[in-house]
Amino acid sequence: MSLDFTEQRMSYEKGSLEQQSVPESPFALFGQWMNEAVAQKVPEPYAMSLATCGADNQPSVRIVLMRELTDAGVVFYTNYESDKGQDVAANPHAEVLFFWHQLERQVRISGHIRKIDVQKSANYFHKRPHDSQVGAWVSEPQSGVVESREVMEARFAELQAQYPEGSEVPAPEFWGGYEIVATRIEFWQGRANRMHDRIVYTKDDAQGDWQTARLLP
């Protein structure tokens, strides 16, 4: 089977991004773009591709959901024993990518990654739907091989009986949040003729300020 997309192309003409007009903080611009994505009803605008690389030097990427934008970076939640968790334990650096096709925009956030406070993770865990809390216990260990779908569903039913609706599901020790503390954030705005706007913010380690630069498309 062969697929040929060499004749397929689009002209991006919905916006522009000027270096002299961007705010001092990349998080201010990111918040603005996120709010515009929400206003434009982009499906799950907080969905992001998370790239990690563990001790095997093999890059891995998957979609996760940003659950908080902080003054330092972005927060997401997962199983600490998952493939991504093992990658982070071996190499605490990561990058996420947001892509909003309707706005012809993308944002890349790079930095080091750390676990968030245990209580904060537990607080978020208990905000999730009851059955999602139960489901977290089924994924132990996440990404582990399972014999069949039926085995998963049987374990889920067993846990539902143990923790019926209305009861408190304990937050697993193996589950919680990570924060990517940003050191580099790139904003990409599609433009016509592939003359895209790319503005990158880089954290100054000595002073803690953000420096901006325009990148060639």
C-alpha atoms as a PDB file:
ATOM      1  CA  MET A   1       0.000   0.000   0.000  1.00  0.00           C
ATOM      2  CA  SER A   2       1.293   3.442  -0.942  1.00  0.00           C
ATOM      3  CA  LEU A   3      -0.043   6.901  -0.121  1.00  0.00           C
ATOM      4  CA  ASP A   4       1.167   9.971  -1.961  1.00  0.00           C
ATOM      5  CA  PHE A   5       0.488  13.415  -0.502  1.00  0.00           C
ATOM      6  CA  THR A   6       3.060  15.333  -2.531  1.00  0.00           C
ATOM      7  CA  GLU A   7       0.334  17.339  -4.296  1.00  0.00           C
ATOM      8  CA  GLN A   8      -1.510  18.196  -1.085  1.00  0.00           C
ATOM      9  CA  ARG A   9      -0.715  21.573   0.456  1.00  0.00           C
ATOM     10  CA  MET A  10      -2.353  24.477   2.223  1.00  0.00           C
ATOM     11  CA  SER A  11      -1.609  28.175   2.357  1.00  0.00           C
ATOM     12  CA  TYR A  12      -1.557  29.439   5.946  1.00  0.00           C
ATOM     13  CA  GLU A  13      -2.988  32.948   6.049  1.00  0.00           C
ATOM     14  CA  LYS A  14      -4.847  33.379   9.345  1.00  0.00           C
ATOM     15  CA  GLY A  15      -2.403  35.427  11.387  1.00  0.00           C
ATOM     16  CA  SER A  16       1.038  36.856  12.027  1.00  0.00           C
ATOM     17  CA  LEU A  17       3.481  37.098  14.924  1.00  0.00           C
ATOM     18  CA  GLU A  18       5.802  40.076  15.351  1.00  0.00           C
ATOM     19  CA  GLN A  19       8.749  39.919  17.734  1.00  0.00           C
ATOM     20  CA  GLN A  20       8.426  43.555  18.790  1.00  0.00           C
ATOM     21  CA  SER A  21       4.833  43.092  19.933  1.00  0.00           C
ATOM     22  CA  VAL A  22       5.076  39.890  21.996  1.00  0.00           C
ATOM     23  CA  PRO A  23       4.873  40.157  25.822  1.00  0.00           C
ATOM     24  CA  GLU A  24       7.971  39.782  28.027  1.00  0.00           C
ATOM     25  CA  SER A  25       6.703  36.483  29.443  1.00  0.00           C
ATOM     26  CA  PRO A  26       6.053  33.528  27.126  1.00  0.00           C
ATOM     27  CA  PHE A  27       3.348  32.356  29.514  1.00  0.00           C
ATOM     28  CA  ALA A  28       1.348  35.522  28.849  1.00  0.00           C
ATOM     29  CA  LEU A  29       1.427  34.801  25.110  1.00  0.00           C
ATOM     30  CA  PHE A  30       0.706  31.118  25.656  1.00  0.00           C
ATOM     31  CA  GLY A  31      -2.284  31.974  27.843  1.00  0.00           C
ATOM     32  CA  GLN A  32      -3.573  34.343  25.180  1.00  0.00           C
ATOM     33  CA  TRP A  33      -3.240  31.723  22.460  1.00  0.00           C
ATOM     34  CA  MET A  34      -4.850  29.055  24.639  1.00  0.00           C
ATOM     35  CA  ASN A  35      -7.821  31.325  25.396  1.00  0.00           C
ATOM     36  CA  GLU A  36      -8.238  32.008  21.682  1.00  0.00           C
ATOM     37  CA  ALA A  37      -8.157  28.278  20.960  1.00  0.00           C
ATOM     38  CA  VAL A  38     -10.878  27.742  23.584  1.00  0.00           C
ATOM     39  CA  ALA A  39     -12.949  30.610  22.138  1.00  0.00           C
ATOM     40  CA  GLN A  40     -12.621  29.099  18.646  1.00  0.00           C
ATOM     41  CA  LYS A  41     -13.876  25.785  20.062  1.00  0.00           C
ATOM     42  CA  VAL A  42     -10.735  23.859  19.121  1.00  0.00           C
ATOM     43  CA  PRO A  43     -11.360  20.282  20.344  1.00  0.00           C
ATOM     44  CA  GLU A  44      -9.375  19.665  23.530  1.00  0.00           C
ATOM     45  CA  PRO A  45      -6.981  22.602  22.980  1.00  0.00           C
ATOM     46  CA  TYR A  46      -5.065  21.523  26.095  1.00  0.00           C
ATOM     47  CA  ALA A  47      -4.062  18.223  24.436  1.00  0.00           C
ATOM     48  CA  MET A  48      -0.313  18.084  23.820  1.00  0.00           C
ATOM     49  CA  SER A  49       2.220  15.696  22.329  1.00  0.00           C
ATOM     50  CA  LEU A  50       4.731  14.756  25.026  1.00  0.00           C
ATOM     51  CA  ALA A  51       8.201  13.633  23.910  1.00  0.00           C
ATOM     52  CA  THR A  52      10.555  11.844  26.306  1.00  0.00           C
ATOM     53  CA  CYS A  53      13.762   9.869  25.913  1.00  0.00           C
ATOM     54  CA  GLY A  54      14.980   7.318  28.432  1.00  0.00           C
ATOM     55  CA  ALA A  55      18.185   5.433  29.080  1.00  0.00           C
ATOM     56  CA  ASP A  56      17.821   3.513  25.796  1.00  0.00           C
ATOM     57  CA  ASN A  57      18.083   6.803  23.818  1.00  0.00           C
ATOM     58  CA  GLN A  58      14.874   5.887  22.013  1.00  0.00           C
ATOM     59  CA  PRO A  59      12.530   8.897  21.694  1.00  0.00           C
ATOM     60  CA  SER A  60       8.885   8.284  22.610  1.00  0.00           C
ATOM     61  CA  VAL A  61       5.925  10.549  21.958  1.00  0.00           C
ATOM     62  CA  ARG A  62       2.273  10.367  22.964  1.00  0.00           C
ATOM     63  CA  ILE A  63      -0.712  12.655  23.564  1.00  0.00           C
ATOM     64  CA  VAL A  64      -1.392  13.756  27.146  1.00  0.00           C
ATOM     65  CA  LEU A  65      -3.601  16.493  28.567  1.00  0.00           C
ATOM     66  CA  MET A  66      -2.224  19.640  30.131  1.00  0.00           C
ATOM     67  CA  ARG A  67      -4.111  20.139  33.372  1.00  0.00           C
ATOM     68  CA  GLU A  68      -2.504  23.379  34.560  1.00  0.00           C
ATOM     69  CA  LEU A  69      -0.424  26.257  33.280  1.00  0.00           C
ATOM     70  CA  THR A  70       1.838  27.520  36.071  1.00  0.00           C
ATOM     71  CA  ASP A  71       4.287  30.399  36.364  1.00  0.00           C
ATOM     72  CA  ALA A  72       7.031  27.908  35.523  1.00  0.00           C
ATOM     73  CA  GLY A  73       5.538  25.566  32.942  1.00  0.00           C
ATOM     74  CA  VAL A  74       2.804  22.984  32.381  1.00  0.00           C
ATOM     75  CA  VAL A  75       1.409  20.169  34.538  1.00  0.00           C
ATOM     76  CA  PHE A  76       0.059  16.789  33.457  1.00  0.00           C
ATOM     77  CA  TYR A  77      -0.834  13.589  35.326  1.00  0.00           C
ATOM     78  CA  THR A  78       0.067   9.992  34.626  1.00  0.00           C
ATOM     79  CA  ASN A  79       1.179   6.650  36.040  1.00  0.00           C
ATOM     80  CA  TYR A  80       4.714   7.023  37.407  1.00  0.00           C
ATOM     81  CA  GLU A  81       5.448   3.395  36.467  1.00  0.00           C
ATOM     82  CA  SER A  82       4.476   3.940  32.817  1.00  0.00           C
ATOM     83  CA  ASP A  83       6.935   4.056  29.946  1.00  0.00           C
ATOM     84  CA  LYS A  84       6.954   7.851  30.160  1.00  0.00           C
ATOM     85  CA  GLY A  85       7.563   7.682  33.899  1.00  0.00           C
ATOM     86  CA  GLN A  86      10.539   5.376  33.373  1.00  0.00           C
ATOM     87  CA  ASP A  87      11.883   7.705  30.701  1.00  0.00           C
ATOM     88  CA  VAL A  88      11.625  10.685  33.045  1.00  0.00           C
ATOM     89  CA  ALA A  89      13.330   8.798  35.871  1.00  0.00           C
ATOM     90  CA  ALA A  90      16.305   8.128  33.593  1.00  0.00           C
ATOM     91  CA  ASN A  91      16.317  11.482  31.786  1.00  0.00           C
ATOM     92  CA  PRO A  92      14.383  14.332  33.447  1.00  0.00           C
ATOM     93  CA  HIS A  93      13.998  16.419  30.296  1.00  0.00           C
ATOM     94  CA  ALA A  94      10.971  16.601  28.032  1.00  0.00           C
ATOM     95  CA  GLU A  95       9.231  18.621  25.351  1.00  0.00           C
ATOM     96  CA  VAL A  96       5.557  19.125  24.592  1.00  0.00           C
ATOM     97  CA  LEU A  97       3.896  20.341  21.420  1.00  0.00           C
ATOM     98  CA  PHE A  98       0.490  21.993  21.112  1.00  0.00           C
ATOM     99  CA  PHE A  99      -0.983  22.167  17.598  1.00  0.00           C
ATOM    100  CA  TRP A 100      -4.153  24.123  16.861  1.00  0.00           C
ATOM    101  CA  HIS A 101      -4.911  23.499  13.201  1.00  0.00           C
ATOM    102  CA  GLN A 102      -7.881  25.866  13.083  1.00  0.00           C
ATOM    103  CA  LEU A 103      -5.630  28.751  14.167  1.00  0.00           C
ATOM    104  CA  GLU A 104      -2.599  27.598  12.141  1.00  0.00           C
ATOM    105  CA  ARG A 105      -0.511  27.735  15.310  1.00  0.00           C
ATOM    106  CA  GLN A 106       1.766  25.520  17.326  1.00  0.00           C
ATOM    107  CA  VAL A 107       3.729  25.926  20.555  1.00  0.00           C
ATOM    108  CA  ARG A 108       6.747  23.894  21.692  1.00  0.00           C
ATOM    109  CA  ILE A 109       7.710  23.911  25.373  1.00  0.00           C
ATOM    110  CA  SER A 110      11.024  22.365  26.430  1.00  0.00           C
ATOM    111  CA  GLY A 111      12.481  22.003  29.901  1.00  0.00           C
ATOM    112  CA  HIS A 112      13.273  19.758  32.818  1.00  0.00           C
ATOM    113  CA  ILE A 113      10.567  17.712  34.439  1.00  0.00           C
ATOM    114  CA  ARG A 114       9.772  17.080  38.106  1.00  0.00           C
ATOM    115  CA  LYS A 115       7.067  15.461  40.197  1.00  0.00           C
ATOM    116  CA  ILE A 116       4.589  17.790  41.823  1.00  0.00           C
ATOM    117  CA  ASP A 117       3.488  17.735  45.465  1.00  0.00           C
ATOM    118  CA  VAL A 118       1.843  14.460  46.550  1.00  0.00           C
ATOM    119  CA  GLN A 119      -1.144  16.240  48.108  1.00  0.00           C
ATOM    120  CA  LYS A 120      -1.727  18.273  44.963  1.00  0.00           C
ATOM    121  CA  SER A 121      -1.744  15.065  42.929  1.00  0.00           C
ATOM    122  CA  ALA A 122      -4.236  13.485  45.366  1.00  0.00           C
ATOM    123  CA  ASN A 123      -6.489  16.541  45.202  1.00  0.00           C
ATOM    124  CA  TYR A 124      -6.641  16.332  41.424  1.00  0.00           C
ATOM    125  CA  PHE A 125      -7.127  12.559  41.491  1.00  0.00           C
ATOM    126  CA  HIS A 126     -10.273  12.968  43.573  1.00  0.00           C
ATOM    127  CA  LYS A 127     -11.650  15.582  41.168  1.00  0.00           C
ATOM    128  CA  ARG A 128     -11.710  13.000  38.396  1.00  0.00           C
ATOM    129  CA  PRO A 129     -14.869  10.991  37.612  1.00  0.00           C
ATOM    130  CA  HIS A 130     -15.270   8.032  39.978  1.00  0.00           C
ATOM    131  CA  ASP A 131     -14.790   5.408  37.273  1.00  0.00           C
ATOM    132  CA  SER A 132     -11.665   7.174  35.999  1.00  0.00           C
ATOM    133  CA  GLN A 133     -10.244   6.902  39.500  1.00  0.00           C
ATOM    134  CA  VAL A 134     -11.040   3.186  39.482  1.00  0.00           C
ATOM    135  CA  GLY A 135      -9.481   2.864  36.017  1.00  0.00           C
ATOM    136  CA  ALA A 136      -6.198   4.272  37.300  1.00  0.00           C
ATOM    137  CA  TRP A 137      -5.855   1.207  39.534  1.00  0.00           C
ATOM    138  CA  VAL A 138      -6.399  -1.125  36.563  1.00  0.00           C
ATOM    139  CA  SER A 139      -3.338   0.346  34.833  1.00  0.00           C
ATOM    140  CA  GLU A 140      -0.789  -1.157  37.179  1.00  0.00           C
ATOM    141  CA  PRO A 141       1.702  -1.128  35.621  1.00  0.00           C
ATOM    142  CA  GLN A 142       0.627   1.121  32.760  1.00  0.00           C
ATOM    143  CA  SER A 143       1.848  -0.165  29.386  1.00  0.00           C
ATOM    144  CA  GLY A 144       2.275  -3.645  30.865  1.00  0.00           C
ATOM    145  CA  VAL A 145       1.183  -6.592  28.732  1.00  0.00           C
ATOM    146  CA  VAL A 146      -2.324  -7.905  29.461  1.00  0.00           C
ATOM    147  CA  GLU A 147      -3.710 -11.232  28.276  1.00  0.00           C
ATOM    148  CA  SER A 148      -6.976  -9.855  26.924  1.00  0.00           C
ATOM    149  CA  ARG A 149      -9.572  -7.080  27.113  1.00  0.00           C
ATOM    150  CA  GLU A 150     -11.666  -9.413  29.257  1.00  0.00           C
ATOM    151  CA  VAL A 151      -8.952  -9.566  31.914  1.00  0.00           C
ATOM    152  CA  MET A 152      -8.915  -5.769  32.080  1.00  0.00           C
ATOM    153  CA  GLU A 153     -12.689  -5.538  32.325  1.00  0.00           C
ATOM    154  CA  ALA A 154     -12.827  -8.208  35.031  1.00  0.00           C
ATOM    155  CA  ARG A 155     -10.285  -6.270  37.102  1.00  0.00           C
ATOM    156  CA  PHE A 156     -12.272  -3.061  36.553  1.00  0.00           C
ATOM    157  CA  ALA A 157     -15.496  -4.758  37.720  1.00  0.00           C
ATOM    158  CA  GLU A 158     -13.690  -6.133  40.780  1.00  0.00           C
ATOM    159  CA  LEU A 159     -12.475  -2.655  41.716  1.00  0.00           C
ATOM    160  CA  GLN A 160     -15.903  -1.121  41.100  1.00  0.00           C
ATOM    161  CA  ALA A 161     -17.337  -3.605  43.602  1.00  0.00           C
ATOM    162  CA  GLN A 162     -14.567  -2.756  46.071  1.00  0.00           C
ATOM    163  CA  TYR A 163     -15.096   0.997  45.602  1.00  0.00           C
ATOM    164  CA  PRO A 164     -18.775   1.537  44.674  1.00  0.00           C
ATOM    165  CA  GLU A 165     -20.050   4.887  43.426  1.00  0.00           C
ATOM    166  CA  GLY A 166     -20.023   7.397  46.266  1.00  0.00           C
ATOM    167  CA  SER A 167     -17.108   5.794  48.097  1.00  0.00           C
ATOM    168  CA  GLU A 168     -13.606   7.259  48.157  1.00  0.00           C
ATOM    169  CA  VAL A 169     -11.059   5.661  45.860  1.00  0.00           C
ATOM    170  CA  PRO A 170      -7.561   6.013  47.372  1.00  0.00           C
ATOM    171  CA  ALA A 171      -5.050   7.854  45.223  1.00  0.00           C
ATOM    172  CA  PRO A 172      -2.401   5.352  44.080  1.00  0.00           C
ATOM    173  CA  GLU A 173       1.183   5.982  45.142  1.00  0.00           C
ATOM    174  CA  PHE A 174       2.239   5.128  41.600  1.00  0.00           C
ATOM    175  CA  TRP A 175       0.077   7.878  40.062  1.00  0.00           C
ATOM    176  CA  GLY A 176       0.508  11.648  40.104  1.00  0.00           C
ATOM    177  CA  GLY A 177       1.549  14.842  38.402  1.00  0.00           C
ATOM    178  CA  TYR A 178       4.615  16.105  36.619  1.00  0.00           C
ATOM    179  CA  GLU A 179       5.533  19.703  35.914  1.00  0.00           C
ATOM    180  CA  ILE A 180       7.661  20.590  32.900  1.00  0.00           C
ATOM    181  CA  VAL A 181       9.653  23.619  34.037  1.00  0.00           C
ATOM    182  CA  ALA A 182      10.182  25.523  30.812  1.00  0.00           C
ATOM    183  CA  THR A 183      13.559  26.771  29.628  1.00  0.00           C
ATOM    184  CA  ARG A 184      12.606  27.264  25.966  1.00  0.00           C
ATOM    185  CA  ILE A 185       9.228  28.049  24.385  1.00  0.00           C
ATOM    186  CA  GLU A 186       8.725  28.464  20.641  1.00  0.00           C
ATOM    187  CA  PHE A 187       5.626  30.004  19.062  1.00  0.00           C
ATOM    188  CA  TRP A 188       4.853  29.173  15.423  1.00  0.00           C
ATOM    189  CA  GLN A 189       2.289  31.046  13.345  1.00  0.00           C
ATOM    190  CA  GLY A 190       1.655  29.731   9.849  1.00  0.00           C
ATOM    191  CA  ARG A 191       2.088  32.246   7.017  1.00  0.00           C
ATOM    192  CA  ALA A 192       1.668  32.190   3.245  1.00  0.00           C
ATOM    193  CA  ASN A 193       4.443  30.852   0.992  1.00  0.00           C
ATOM    194  CA  ARG A 194       5.918  28.899   3.909  1.00  0.00           C
ATOM    195  CA  MET A 195       7.289  32.181   5.314  1.00  0.00           C
ATOM    196  CA  HIS A 196       6.097  31.176   8.771  1.00  0.00           C
ATOM    197  CA  ASP A 197       6.605  33.308  11.879  1.00  0.00           C
ATOM    198  CA  ARG A 198       8.692  31.602  14.591  1.00  0.00           C
ATOM    199  CA  ILE A 199       9.453  33.446  17.808  1.00  0.00           C
ATOM    200  CA  VAL A 200      11.453  31.604  20.474  1.00  0.00           C
ATOM    201  CA  TYR A 201      11.781  32.519  24.148  1.00  0.00           C
ATOM    202  CA  THR A 202      14.890  31.248  25.950  1.00  0.00           C
ATOM    203  CA  LYS A 203      15.401  31.438  29.706  1.00  0.00           C
ATOM    204  CA  ASP A 204      18.522  33.304  30.822  1.00  0.00           C
ATOM    205  CA  ASP A 205      20.019  31.034  33.499  1.00  0.00           C
ATOM    206  CA  ALA A 206      21.991  33.817  35.155  1.00  0.00           C
ATOM    207  CA  GLN A 207      19.234  36.435  35.486  1.00  0.00           C
ATOM    208  CA  GLY A 208      16.106  34.345  35.071  1.00  0.00           C
ATOM    209  CA  ASP A 209      14.787  36.632  32.334  1.00  0.00           C
ATOM    210  CA  TRP A 210      13.364  35.528  29.009  1.00  0.00           C
ATOM    211  CA  GLN A 211      15.132  36.476  25.769  1.00  0.00           C
ATOM    212  CA  THR A 212      13.332  36.415  22.413  1.00  0.00           C
ATOM    213  CA  ALA A 213      14.599  35.780  18.887  1.00  0.00           C
ATOM    214  CA  ARG A 214      13.080  35.245  15.467  1.00  0.00           C
ATOM    215  CA  LEU A 215      13.898  31.941  13.760  1.00  0.00           C
ATOM    216  CA  LEU A 216      13.994  31.234  10.052  1.00  0.00           C
ATOM    217  CA  PRO A 217      10.974  29.191   8.949  1.00  0.00           C
END
